[in-house]
Full PDB file with SEQRES, HELIX, SHEET, SSBOND, CRYST1, ORIGX, SCALE, CONECT and MASTER records, all heavy atoms in Angstrom:
SEQRES   1 A   35  LEU GLY TYR ALA LEU SER THR PHE ASN VAL GLN PRO MET          
SEQRES   2 A   35  ASP LEU ARG GLU PHE GLN ARG SER PHE VAL LYS TRP GLN          
SEQRES   3 A   35  THR PHE ILE GLU GLY THR ASP GLY TRP                          
HELIX    1 AA1 LEU A   15  THR A   27  1                                  13    
CRYST1    1.000    1.000    1.000  90.00  90.00  90.00 P 1           1          
ORIGX1      1.000000  0.000000  0.000000        0.00000                         
ORIGX2      0.000000  1.000000  0.000000        0.00000                         
ORIGX3      0.000000  0.000000  1.000000        0.00000                         
SCALE1      1.000000  0.000000  0.000000        0.00000                         
SCALE2      0.000000  1.000000  0.000000        0.00000                         
SCALE3      0.000000  0.000000  1.000000        0.00000                         
ATOM      1  N   LEU A   1      -6.253  -1.226  -1.191  1.00  0.00           N  
ATOM      2  CA  LEU A   1      -6.442  -0.071  -0.549  1.00  0.00           C  
ATOM      3  C   LEU A   1      -8.059   0.246  -0.413  1.00  0.00           C  
ATOM      4  O   LEU A   1      -8.731   0.115  -1.480  1.00  0.00           O  
ATOM      5  CB  LEU A   1      -5.855   1.168  -1.244  1.00  0.00           C  
ATOM      6  CG  LEU A   1      -5.759   2.499  -0.576  1.00  0.00           C  
ATOM      7  CD1 LEU A   1      -4.778   2.365   0.603  1.00  0.00           C  
ATOM      8  CD2 LEU A   1      -5.351   3.608  -1.504  1.00  0.00           C  
ATOM      9  N   GLY A   2      -8.484   0.394   0.784  1.00  0.00           N  
ATOM     10  CA  GLY A   2      -9.956   0.639   0.912  1.00  0.00           C  
ATOM     11  C   GLY A   2     -10.739  -0.467   1.195  1.00  0.00           C  
ATOM     12  O   GLY A   2     -11.974  -0.380   1.462  1.00  0.00           O  
ATOM     13  N   TYR A   3     -10.192  -1.646   1.214  1.00  0.00           N  
ATOM     14  CA  TYR A   3     -10.857  -2.949   1.617  1.00  0.00           C  
ATOM     15  C   TYR A   3      -9.869  -3.931   2.040  1.00  0.00           C  
ATOM     16  O   TYR A   3      -8.691  -3.837   1.760  1.00  0.00           O  
ATOM     17  CB  TYR A   3     -11.814  -3.413   0.565  1.00  0.00           C  
ATOM     18  CG  TYR A   3     -11.066  -4.088  -0.663  1.00  0.00           C  
ATOM     19  CD1 TYR A   3     -11.338  -5.476  -0.745  1.00  0.00           C  
ATOM     20  CD2 TYR A   3     -10.344  -3.409  -1.608  1.00  0.00           C  
ATOM     21  CE1 TYR A   3     -10.649  -6.155  -1.808  1.00  0.00           C  
ATOM     22  CE2 TYR A   3      -9.765  -4.176  -2.643  1.00  0.00           C  
ATOM     23  CZ  TYR A   3      -9.899  -5.454  -2.758  1.00  0.00           C  
ATOM     24  OH  TYR A   3      -9.350  -6.097  -3.747  1.00  0.00           O  
ATOM     25  N   ALA A   4     -10.277  -5.105   2.742  1.00  0.00           N  
ATOM     26  CA  ALA A   4      -9.400  -6.268   2.964  1.00  0.00           C  
ATOM     27  C   ALA A   4      -9.795  -7.387   1.909  1.00  0.00           C  
ATOM     28  O   ALA A   4     -10.875  -7.496   1.527  1.00  0.00           O  
ATOM     29  CB  ALA A   4      -9.704  -6.770   4.429  1.00  0.00           C  
ATOM     30  N   LEU A   5      -8.804  -8.092   1.499  1.00  0.00           N  
ATOM     31  CA  LEU A   5      -8.946  -9.053   0.484  1.00  0.00           C  
ATOM     32  C   LEU A   5     -10.066 -10.018   0.888  1.00  0.00           C  
ATOM     33  O   LEU A   5     -10.733 -10.618  -0.004  1.00  0.00           O  
ATOM     34  CB  LEU A   5      -7.697  -9.808   0.231  1.00  0.00           C  
ATOM     35  CG  LEU A   5      -7.515 -10.623  -1.011  1.00  0.00           C  
ATOM     36  CD1 LEU A   5      -7.844  -9.840  -2.294  1.00  0.00           C  
ATOM     37  CD2 LEU A   5      -6.181 -11.322  -1.176  1.00  0.00           C  
ATOM     38  N   SER A   6     -10.210 -10.292   2.087  1.00  0.00           N  
ATOM     39  CA  SER A   6     -11.162 -11.322   2.491  1.00  0.00           C  
ATOM     40  C   SER A   6     -12.611 -10.683   2.774  1.00  0.00           C  
ATOM     41  O   SER A   6     -13.464 -11.443   3.212  1.00  0.00           O  
ATOM     42  CB  SER A   6     -10.757 -12.025   3.884  1.00  0.00           C  
ATOM     43  OG  SER A   6     -10.537 -11.060   4.842  1.00  0.00           O  
ATOM     44  N   THR A   7     -12.751  -9.395   2.390  1.00  0.00           N  
ATOM     45  CA  THR A   7     -14.016  -8.803   2.728  1.00  0.00           C  
ATOM     46  C   THR A   7     -14.472  -8.018   1.459  1.00  0.00           C  
ATOM     47  O   THR A   7     -13.686  -7.784   0.565  1.00  0.00           O  
ATOM     48  CB  THR A   7     -14.081  -7.850   3.889  1.00  0.00           C  
ATOM     49  OG1 THR A   7     -13.356  -6.665   3.510  1.00  0.00           O  
ATOM     50  CG2 THR A   7     -13.387  -8.516   5.047  1.00  0.00           C  
ATOM     51  N   PHE A   8     -15.715  -7.524   1.492  1.00  0.00           N  
ATOM     52  CA  PHE A   8     -16.251  -6.768   0.440  1.00  0.00           C  
ATOM     53  C   PHE A   8     -16.709  -5.387   0.874  1.00  0.00           C  
ATOM     54  O   PHE A   8     -17.465  -4.704   0.196  1.00  0.00           O  
ATOM     55  CB  PHE A   8     -17.505  -7.383  -0.253  1.00  0.00           C  
ATOM     56  CG  PHE A   8     -17.097  -8.583  -1.182  1.00  0.00           C  
ATOM     57  CD1 PHE A   8     -16.834  -9.808  -0.734  1.00  0.00           C  
ATOM     58  CD2 PHE A   8     -16.996  -8.357  -2.571  1.00  0.00           C  
ATOM     59  CE1 PHE A   8     -16.365 -10.832  -1.628  1.00  0.00           C  
ATOM     60  CE2 PHE A   8     -16.697  -9.386  -3.427  1.00  0.00           C  
ATOM     61  CZ  PHE A   8     -16.455 -10.618  -2.957  1.00  0.00           C  
ATOM     62  N   ASN A   9     -16.179  -4.981   2.075  1.00  0.00           N  
ATOM     63  CA  ASN A   9     -16.582  -3.655   2.584  1.00  0.00           C  
ATOM     64  C   ASN A   9     -15.642  -2.528   2.093  1.00  0.00           C  
ATOM     65  O   ASN A   9     -14.598  -2.272   2.587  1.00  0.00           O  
ATOM     66  CB  ASN A   9     -16.471  -3.617   4.177  1.00  0.00           C  
ATOM     67  CG  ASN A   9     -16.930  -2.419   4.842  1.00  0.00           C  
ATOM     68  OD1 ASN A   9     -17.659  -1.655   4.240  1.00  0.00           O  
ATOM     69  ND2 ASN A   9     -16.362  -2.223   5.964  1.00  0.00           N  
ATOM     70  N   VAL A  10     -16.044  -2.074   0.913  1.00  0.00           N  
ATOM     71  CA  VAL A  10     -15.138  -1.154   0.025  1.00  0.00           C  
ATOM     72  C   VAL A  10     -15.327   0.274   0.462  1.00  0.00           C  
ATOM     73  O   VAL A  10     -16.457   0.858   0.396  1.00  0.00           O  
ATOM     74  CB  VAL A  10     -15.318  -1.334  -1.429  1.00  0.00           C  
ATOM     75  CG1 VAL A  10     -14.397  -0.556  -2.200  1.00  0.00           C  
ATOM     76  CG2 VAL A  10     -15.355  -2.823  -1.743  1.00  0.00           C  
ATOM     77  N   GLN A  11     -14.212   0.939   0.815  1.00  0.00           N  
ATOM     78  CA  GLN A  11     -14.199   2.413   1.059  1.00  0.00           C  
ATOM     79  C   GLN A  11     -13.768   3.121  -0.202  1.00  0.00           C  
ATOM     80  O   GLN A  11     -13.098   2.594  -1.064  1.00  0.00           O  
ATOM     81  CB  GLN A  11     -13.266   2.705   2.207  1.00  0.00           C  
ATOM     82  CG  GLN A  11     -13.657   1.946   3.478  1.00  0.00           C  
ATOM     83  CD  GLN A  11     -15.035   2.127   3.960  1.00  0.00           C  
ATOM     84  OE1 GLN A  11     -15.498   3.327   4.055  1.00  0.00           O  
ATOM     85  NE2 GLN A  11     -15.781   1.132   4.386  1.00  0.00           N  
ATOM     86  N   PRO A  12     -14.153   4.451  -0.229  1.00  0.00           N  
ATOM     87  CA  PRO A  12     -13.687   5.258  -1.421  1.00  0.00           C  
ATOM     88  C   PRO A  12     -12.173   5.197  -1.675  1.00  0.00           C  
ATOM     89  O   PRO A  12     -11.480   5.163  -0.724  1.00  0.00           O  
ATOM     90  CB  PRO A  12     -14.134   6.722  -1.054  1.00  0.00           C  
ATOM     91  CG  PRO A  12     -15.238   6.481  -0.062  1.00  0.00           C  
ATOM     92  CD  PRO A  12     -14.914   5.256   0.713  1.00  0.00           C  
ATOM     93  N   MET A  13     -11.857   5.200  -2.949  1.00  0.00           N  
ATOM     94  CA  MET A  13     -10.343   5.297  -3.291  1.00  0.00           C  
ATOM     95  C   MET A  13      -9.691   6.546  -3.039  1.00  0.00           C  
ATOM     96  O   MET A  13     -10.370   7.601  -3.330  1.00  0.00           O  
ATOM     97  CB  MET A  13     -10.267   4.869  -4.785  1.00  0.00           C  
ATOM     98  CG  MET A  13      -8.850   4.995  -5.466  1.00  0.00           C  
ATOM     99  SD  MET A  13      -7.687   3.914  -4.548  1.00  0.00           S  
ATOM    100  CE  MET A  13      -8.379   2.247  -5.094  1.00  0.00           C  
ATOM    101  N   ASP A  14      -8.584   6.635  -2.425  1.00  0.00           N  
ATOM    102  CA  ASP A  14      -7.894   7.808  -2.162  1.00  0.00           C  
ATOM    103  C   ASP A  14      -6.512   7.729  -2.852  1.00  0.00           C  
ATOM    104  O   ASP A  14      -5.595   6.959  -2.404  1.00  0.00           O  
ATOM    105  CB  ASP A  14      -7.717   7.974  -0.624  1.00  0.00           C  
ATOM    106  CG  ASP A  14      -7.071   9.312  -0.257  1.00  0.00           C  
ATOM    107  OD1 ASP A  14      -6.250   9.766  -1.021  1.00  0.00           O  
ATOM    108  OD2 ASP A  14      -7.350   9.857   0.882  1.00  0.00           O  
ATOM    109  N   LEU A  15      -6.263   8.477  -3.943  1.00  0.00           N  
ATOM    110  CA  LEU A  15      -5.089   8.474  -4.547  1.00  0.00           C  
ATOM    111  C   LEU A  15      -3.852   8.804  -3.803  1.00  0.00           C  
ATOM    112  O   LEU A  15      -2.777   8.265  -4.028  1.00  0.00           O  
ATOM    113  CB  LEU A  15      -5.086   9.241  -5.920  1.00  0.00           C  
ATOM    114  CG  LEU A  15      -5.889   8.718  -7.029  1.00  0.00           C  
ATOM    115  CD1 LEU A  15      -5.969   9.750  -8.180  1.00  0.00           C  
ATOM    116  CD2 LEU A  15      -5.289   7.406  -7.450  1.00  0.00           C  
ATOM    117  N   ARG A  16      -3.978   9.720  -2.803  1.00  0.00           N  
ATOM    118  CA  ARG A  16      -2.838  10.044  -1.895  1.00  0.00           C  
ATOM    119  C   ARG A  16      -2.453   8.948  -1.112  1.00  0.00           C  
ATOM    120  O   ARG A  16      -1.201   8.644  -0.850  1.00  0.00           O  
ATOM    121  CB  ARG A  16      -3.303  11.275  -1.143  1.00  0.00           C  
ATOM    122  CG  ARG A  16      -3.305  12.588  -1.888  1.00  0.00           C  
ATOM    123  CD  ARG A  16      -3.895  13.631  -1.178  1.00  0.00           C  
ATOM    124  NE  ARG A  16      -5.410  13.450  -0.924  1.00  0.00           N  
ATOM    125  CZ  ARG A  16      -6.261  14.253  -0.417  1.00  0.00           C  
ATOM    126  NH1 ARG A  16      -5.857  15.550  -0.176  1.00  0.00           N  
ATOM    127  NH2 ARG A  16      -7.545  14.001  -0.210  1.00  0.00           N  
ATOM    128  N   GLU A  17      -3.416   8.094  -0.589  1.00  0.00           N  
ATOM    129  CA  GLU A  17      -3.104   6.968   0.275  1.00  0.00           C  
ATOM    130  C   GLU A  17      -2.439   5.922  -0.711  1.00  0.00           C  
ATOM    131  O   GLU A  17      -1.519   5.110  -0.249  1.00  0.00           O  
ATOM    132  CB  GLU A  17      -4.336   6.308   0.832  1.00  0.00           C  
ATOM    133  CG  GLU A  17      -4.772   7.130   2.092  1.00  0.00           C  
ATOM    134  CD  GLU A  17      -3.825   7.151   3.175  1.00  0.00           C  
ATOM    135  OE1 GLU A  17      -3.160   6.150   3.456  1.00  0.00           O  
ATOM    136  OE2 GLU A  17      -3.576   8.254   3.824  1.00  0.00           O  
ATOM    137  N   PHE A  18      -2.889   5.784  -1.940  1.00  0.00           N  
ATOM    138  CA  PHE A  18      -2.326   4.864  -2.859  1.00  0.00           C  
ATOM    139  C   PHE A  18      -0.847   5.246  -3.146  1.00  0.00           C  
ATOM    140  O   PHE A  18       0.064   4.280  -3.054  1.00  0.00           O  
ATOM    141  CB  PHE A  18      -3.019   4.883  -4.172  1.00  0.00           C  
ATOM    142  CG  PHE A  18      -2.419   4.052  -5.301  1.00  0.00           C  
ATOM    143  CD1 PHE A  18      -2.680   2.769  -5.461  1.00  0.00           C  
ATOM    144  CD2 PHE A  18      -1.580   4.784  -6.240  1.00  0.00           C  
ATOM    145  CE1 PHE A  18      -2.029   2.071  -6.527  1.00  0.00           C  
ATOM    146  CE2 PHE A  18      -0.952   4.003  -7.233  1.00  0.00           C  
ATOM    147  CZ  PHE A  18      -1.308   2.632  -7.365  1.00  0.00           C  
ATOM    148  N   GLN A  19      -0.545   6.453  -3.171  1.00  0.00           N  
ATOM    149  CA  GLN A  19       1.000   6.818  -3.377  1.00  0.00           C  
ATOM    150  C   GLN A  19       1.745   6.642  -2.205  1.00  0.00           C  
ATOM    151  O   GLN A  19       2.859   6.148  -2.312  1.00  0.00           O  
ATOM    152  CB  GLN A  19       0.961   8.314  -3.763  1.00  0.00           C  
ATOM    153  CG  GLN A  19       0.286   8.638  -5.167  1.00  0.00           C  
ATOM    154  CD  GLN A  19       0.282  10.051  -5.551  1.00  0.00           C  
ATOM    155  OE1 GLN A  19       1.239  10.871  -5.232  1.00  0.00           O  
ATOM    156  NE2 GLN A  19      -0.712  10.547  -6.148  1.00  0.00           N  
ATOM    157  N   ARG A  20       1.224   6.956  -1.103  1.00  0.00           N  
ATOM    158  CA  ARG A  20       1.971   6.727   0.179  1.00  0.00           C  
ATOM    159  C   ARG A  20       2.273   5.205   0.388  1.00  0.00           C  
ATOM    160  O   ARG A  20       3.394   4.892   0.698  1.00  0.00           O  
ATOM    161  CB  ARG A  20       1.240   7.219   1.392  1.00  0.00           C  
ATOM    162  CG  ARG A  20       1.293   8.737   1.568  1.00  0.00           C  
ATOM    163  CD  ARG A  20       0.817   9.230   2.937  1.00  0.00           C  
ATOM    164  NE  ARG A  20      -0.661   9.311   3.029  1.00  0.00           N  
ATOM    165  CZ  ARG A  20      -1.321  10.354   2.729  1.00  0.00           C  
ATOM    166  NH1 ARG A  20      -0.755  11.422   2.310  1.00  0.00           N  
ATOM    167  NH2 ARG A  20      -2.666  10.288   2.742  1.00  0.00           N  
ATOM    168  N   SER A  21       1.320   4.371   0.132  1.00  0.00           N  
ATOM    169  CA  SER A  21       1.627   2.919   0.314  1.00  0.00           C  
ATOM    170  C   SER A  21       2.539   2.437  -0.770  1.00  0.00           C  
ATOM    171  O   SER A  21       3.445   1.661  -0.501  1.00  0.00           O  
ATOM    172  CB  SER A  21       0.208   2.162   0.197  1.00  0.00           C  
ATOM    173  OG  SER A  21       0.429   0.801   0.260  1.00  0.00           O  
ATOM    174  N   PHE A  22       2.503   2.953  -1.916  1.00  0.00           N  
ATOM    175  CA  PHE A  22       3.315   2.541  -3.059  1.00  0.00           C  
ATOM    176  C   PHE A  22       4.673   2.845  -2.672  1.00  0.00           C  
ATOM    177  O   PHE A  22       5.648   2.001  -2.914  1.00  0.00           O  
ATOM    178  CB  PHE A  22       2.890   3.168  -4.352  1.00  0.00           C  
ATOM    179  CG  PHE A  22       3.506   2.741  -5.611  1.00  0.00           C  
ATOM    180  CD1 PHE A  22       2.912   1.872  -6.383  1.00  0.00           C  
ATOM    181  CD2 PHE A  22       4.784   3.157  -5.976  1.00  0.00           C  
ATOM    182  CE1 PHE A  22       3.426   1.363  -7.536  1.00  0.00           C  
ATOM    183  CE2 PHE A  22       5.369   2.706  -7.125  1.00  0.00           C  
ATOM    184  CZ  PHE A  22       4.742   1.768  -7.898  1.00  0.00           C  
ATOM    185  N   VAL A  23       4.880   4.092  -2.286  1.00  0.00           N  
ATOM    186  CA  VAL A  23       6.320   4.563  -1.897  1.00  0.00           C  
ATOM    187  C   VAL A  23       6.885   3.741  -0.753  1.00  0.00           C  
ATOM    188  O   VAL A  23       8.047   3.295  -0.618  1.00  0.00           O  
ATOM    189  CB  VAL A  23       6.301   6.121  -1.428  1.00  0.00           C  
ATOM    190  CG1 VAL A  23       7.629   6.448  -0.907  1.00  0.00           C  
ATOM    191  CG2 VAL A  23       5.960   6.963  -2.726  1.00  0.00           C  
ATOM    192  N   LYS A  24       5.969   3.496   0.308  1.00  0.00           N  
ATOM    193  CA  LYS A  24       6.405   2.707   1.504  1.00  0.00           C  
ATOM    194  C   LYS A  24       6.992   1.342   1.028  1.00  0.00           C  
ATOM    195  O   LYS A  24       8.104   0.968   1.523  1.00  0.00           O  
ATOM    196  CB  LYS A  24       5.240   2.473   2.327  1.00  0.00           C  
ATOM    197  CG  LYS A  24       5.359   1.439   3.434  1.00  0.00           C  
ATOM    198  CD  LYS A  24       4.029   1.264   4.106  1.00  0.00           C  
ATOM    199  CE  LYS A  24       4.090   0.044   5.145  1.00  0.00           C  
ATOM    200  NZ  LYS A  24       2.816  -0.038   5.855  1.00  0.00           N  
ATOM    201  N   TRP A  25       6.371   0.710   0.073  1.00  0.00           N  
ATOM    202  CA  TRP A  25       6.705  -0.686  -0.262  1.00  0.00           C  
ATOM    203  C   TRP A  25       7.824  -0.697  -1.419  1.00  0.00           C  
ATOM    204  O   TRP A  25       8.464  -1.736  -1.637  1.00  0.00           O  
ATOM    205  CB  TRP A  25       5.599  -1.559  -0.716  1.00  0.00           C  
ATOM    206  CG  TRP A  25       4.739  -1.912   0.448  1.00  0.00           C  
ATOM    207  CD1 TRP A  25       3.554  -1.256   0.851  1.00  0.00           C  
ATOM    208  CD2 TRP A  25       4.933  -2.829   1.480  1.00  0.00           C  
ATOM    209  NE1 TRP A  25       3.091  -1.760   2.049  1.00  0.00           N  
ATOM    210  CE2 TRP A  25       3.944  -2.782   2.403  1.00  0.00           C  
ATOM    211  CE3 TRP A  25       5.929  -3.804   1.731  1.00  0.00           C  
ATOM    212  CZ2 TRP A  25       3.770  -3.664   3.472  1.00  0.00           C  
ATOM    213  CZ3 TRP A  25       5.937  -4.630   2.692  1.00  0.00           C  
ATOM    214  CH2 TRP A  25       4.884  -4.531   3.684  1.00  0.00           C  
ATOM    215  N   GLN A  26       8.067   0.480  -1.993  1.00  0.00           N  
ATOM    216  CA  GLN A  26       9.202   0.686  -2.895  1.00  0.00           C  
ATOM    217  C   GLN A  26      10.541   0.902  -2.145  1.00  0.00           C  
ATOM    218  O   GLN A  26      11.591   0.400  -2.460  1.00  0.00           O  
ATOM    219  CB  GLN A  26       8.943   1.782  -3.912  1.00  0.00           C  
ATOM    220  CG  GLN A  26       8.132   1.502  -4.993  1.00  0.00           C  
ATOM    221  CD  GLN A  26       8.856   0.575  -6.074  1.00  0.00           C  
ATOM    222  OE1 GLN A  26       9.719   1.067  -6.786  1.00  0.00           O  
ATOM    223  NE2 GLN A  26       8.592  -0.637  -6.043  1.00  0.00           N  
ATOM    224  N   THR A  27      10.349   1.607  -1.030  1.00  0.00           N  
ATOM    225  CA  THR A  27      11.585   1.983  -0.252  1.00  0.00           C  
ATOM    226  C   THR A  27      11.866   1.079   0.966  1.00  0.00           C  
ATOM    227  O   THR A  27      13.021   1.299   1.623  1.00  0.00           O  
ATOM    228  CB  THR A  27      11.385   3.504   0.275  1.00  0.00           C  
ATOM    229  OG1 THR A  27      10.281   3.523   1.010  1.00  0.00           O  
ATOM    230  CG2 THR A  27      11.263   4.343  -0.979  1.00  0.00           C  
ATOM    231  N   PHE A  28      11.029   0.233   1.292  1.00  0.00           N  
ATOM    232  CA  PHE A  28      11.399  -0.584   2.570  1.00  0.00           C  
ATOM    233  C   PHE A  28      12.591  -1.472   2.423  1.00  0.00           C  
ATOM    234  O   PHE A  28      13.154  -1.851   3.486  1.00  0.00           O  
ATOM    235  CB  PHE A  28      10.143  -1.448   3.045  1.00  0.00           C  
ATOM    236  CG  PHE A  28      10.121  -2.831   2.613  1.00  0.00           C  
ATOM    237  CD1 PHE A  28      10.345  -3.749   3.355  1.00  0.00           C  
ATOM    238  CD2 PHE A  28       9.704  -3.106   1.106  1.00  0.00           C  
ATOM    239  CE1 PHE A  28      10.316  -5.130   2.960  1.00  0.00           C  
ATOM    240  CE2 PHE A  28       9.596  -4.434   0.844  1.00  0.00           C  
ATOM    241  CZ  PHE A  28       9.862  -5.408   1.697  1.00  0.00           C  
ATOM    242  N   ILE A  29      12.932  -1.729   1.291  1.00  0.00           N  
ATOM    243  CA  ILE A  29      14.192  -2.604   1.034  1.00  0.00           C  
ATOM    244  C   ILE A  29      15.538  -1.820   1.026  1.00  0.00           C  
ATOM    245  O   ILE A  29      16.669  -2.395   0.958  1.00  0.00           O  
ATOM    246  CB  ILE A  29      14.122  -3.394  -0.255  1.00  0.00           C  
ATOM    247  CG1 ILE A  29      14.046  -2.543  -1.355  1.00  0.00           C  
ATOM    248  CG2 ILE A  29      12.895  -4.407  -0.077  1.00  0.00           C  
ATOM    249  CD1 ILE A  29      14.153  -3.271  -2.775  1.00  0.00           C  
ATOM    250  N   GLU A  30      15.443  -0.419   1.027  1.00  0.00           N  
ATOM    251  CA  GLU A  30      16.622   0.329   0.881  1.00  0.00           C  
ATOM    252  C   GLU A  30      17.634   0.177   1.989  1.00  0.00           C  
ATOM    253  O   GLU A  30      17.161   0.016   3.200  1.00  0.00           O  
ATOM    254  CB  GLU A  30      16.343   1.814   0.695  1.00  0.00           C  
ATOM    255  CG  GLU A  30      15.748   2.277  -0.565  1.00  0.00           C  
ATOM    256  CD  GLU A  30      15.426   3.755  -0.763  1.00  0.00           C  
ATOM    257  OE1 GLU A  30      15.830   4.439   0.174  1.00  0.00           O  
ATOM    258  OE2 GLU A  30      14.913   4.022  -1.792  1.00  0.00           O  
ATOM    259  N   GLY A  31      18.889  -0.193   1.734  1.00  0.00           N  
ATOM    260  CA  GLY A  31      19.874  -0.344   2.833  1.00  0.00           C  
ATOM    261  C   GLY A  31      19.769  -1.715   3.412  1.00  0.00           C  
ATOM    262  O   GLY A  31      20.332  -1.969   4.429  1.00  0.00           O  
ATOM    263  N   THR A  32      19.004  -2.577   2.766  1.00  0.00           N  
ATOM    264  CA  THR A  32      18.836  -3.996   3.304  1.00  0.00           C  
ATOM    265  C   THR A  32      19.372  -4.983   2.281  1.00  0.00           C  
ATOM    266  O   THR A  32      19.626  -4.665   1.173  1.00  0.00           O  
ATOM    267  CB  THR A  32      17.395  -4.371   3.699  1.00  0.00           C  
ATOM    268  OG1 THR A  32      16.591  -4.548   2.529  1.00  0.00           O  
ATOM    269  CG2 THR A  32      16.824  -3.131   4.476  1.00  0.00           C  
ATOM    270  N   ASP A  33      19.263  -6.285   2.604  1.00  0.00           N  
ATOM    271  CA  ASP A  33      19.499  -7.393   1.666  1.00  0.00           C  
ATOM    272  C   ASP A  33      18.222  -8.073   1.205  1.00  0.00           C  
ATOM    273  O   ASP A  33      18.197  -9.167   0.788  1.00  0.00           O  
ATOM    274  CB  ASP A  33      20.410  -8.377   2.270  1.00  0.00           C  
ATOM    275  CG  ASP A  33      19.789  -9.175   3.380  1.00  0.00           C  
ATOM    276  OD1 ASP A  33      18.774  -8.684   3.964  1.00  0.00           O  
ATOM    277  OD2 ASP A  33      20.358 -10.136   3.855  1.00  0.00           O  
ATOM    278  N   GLY A  34      17.133  -7.306   1.319  1.00  0.00           N  
ATOM    279  CA  GLY A  34      15.785  -7.825   0.900  1.00  0.00           C  
ATOM    280  C   GLY A  34      15.389  -7.386  -0.515  1.00  0.00           C  
ATOM    281  O   GLY A  34      16.180  -6.555  -1.058  1.00  0.00           O  
ATOM    282  N   TRP A  35      14.323  -7.931  -0.983  1.00  0.00           N  
ATOM    283  CA  TRP A  35      13.896  -7.564  -2.301  1.00  0.00           C  
ATOM    284  C   TRP A  35      12.334  -7.376  -2.321  1.00  0.00           C  
ATOM    285  O   TRP A  35      11.697  -7.765  -1.350  1.00  0.00           O  
ATOM    286  CB  TRP A  35      14.286  -8.599  -3.337  1.00  0.00           C  
ATOM    287  CG  TRP A  35      14.082  -8.304  -4.807  1.00  0.00           C  
ATOM    288  CD1 TRP A  35      13.401  -8.755  -5.718  1.00  0.00           C  
ATOM    289  CD2 TRP A  35      14.735  -7.109  -5.376  1.00  0.00           C  
ATOM    290  NE1 TRP A  35      13.505  -8.130  -6.913  1.00  0.00           N  
ATOM    291  CE2 TRP A  35      14.403  -7.081  -6.773  1.00  0.00           C  
ATOM    292  CE3 TRP A  35      15.629  -6.061  -4.962  1.00  0.00           C  
ATOM    293  CZ2 TRP A  35      14.838  -6.150  -7.664  1.00  0.00           C  
ATOM    294  CZ3 TRP A  35      16.167  -5.174  -5.846  1.00  0.00           C  
ATOM    295  CH2 TRP A  35      15.739  -5.170  -7.225  1.00  0.00           C  
TER     296      TRP A  35                                                      
MASTER        0    0    0    1    0    0    0    6  295    1    0    3          
END                                                                             
């Protein structure tokens, strides 16, 4: 969050964005056969 792995252009950390992204990748498998 706040930068790309291949770069060093770091933006300030936003905990709300962290939470939104965390929830997104926790829930994207619901109702599917993925993990």
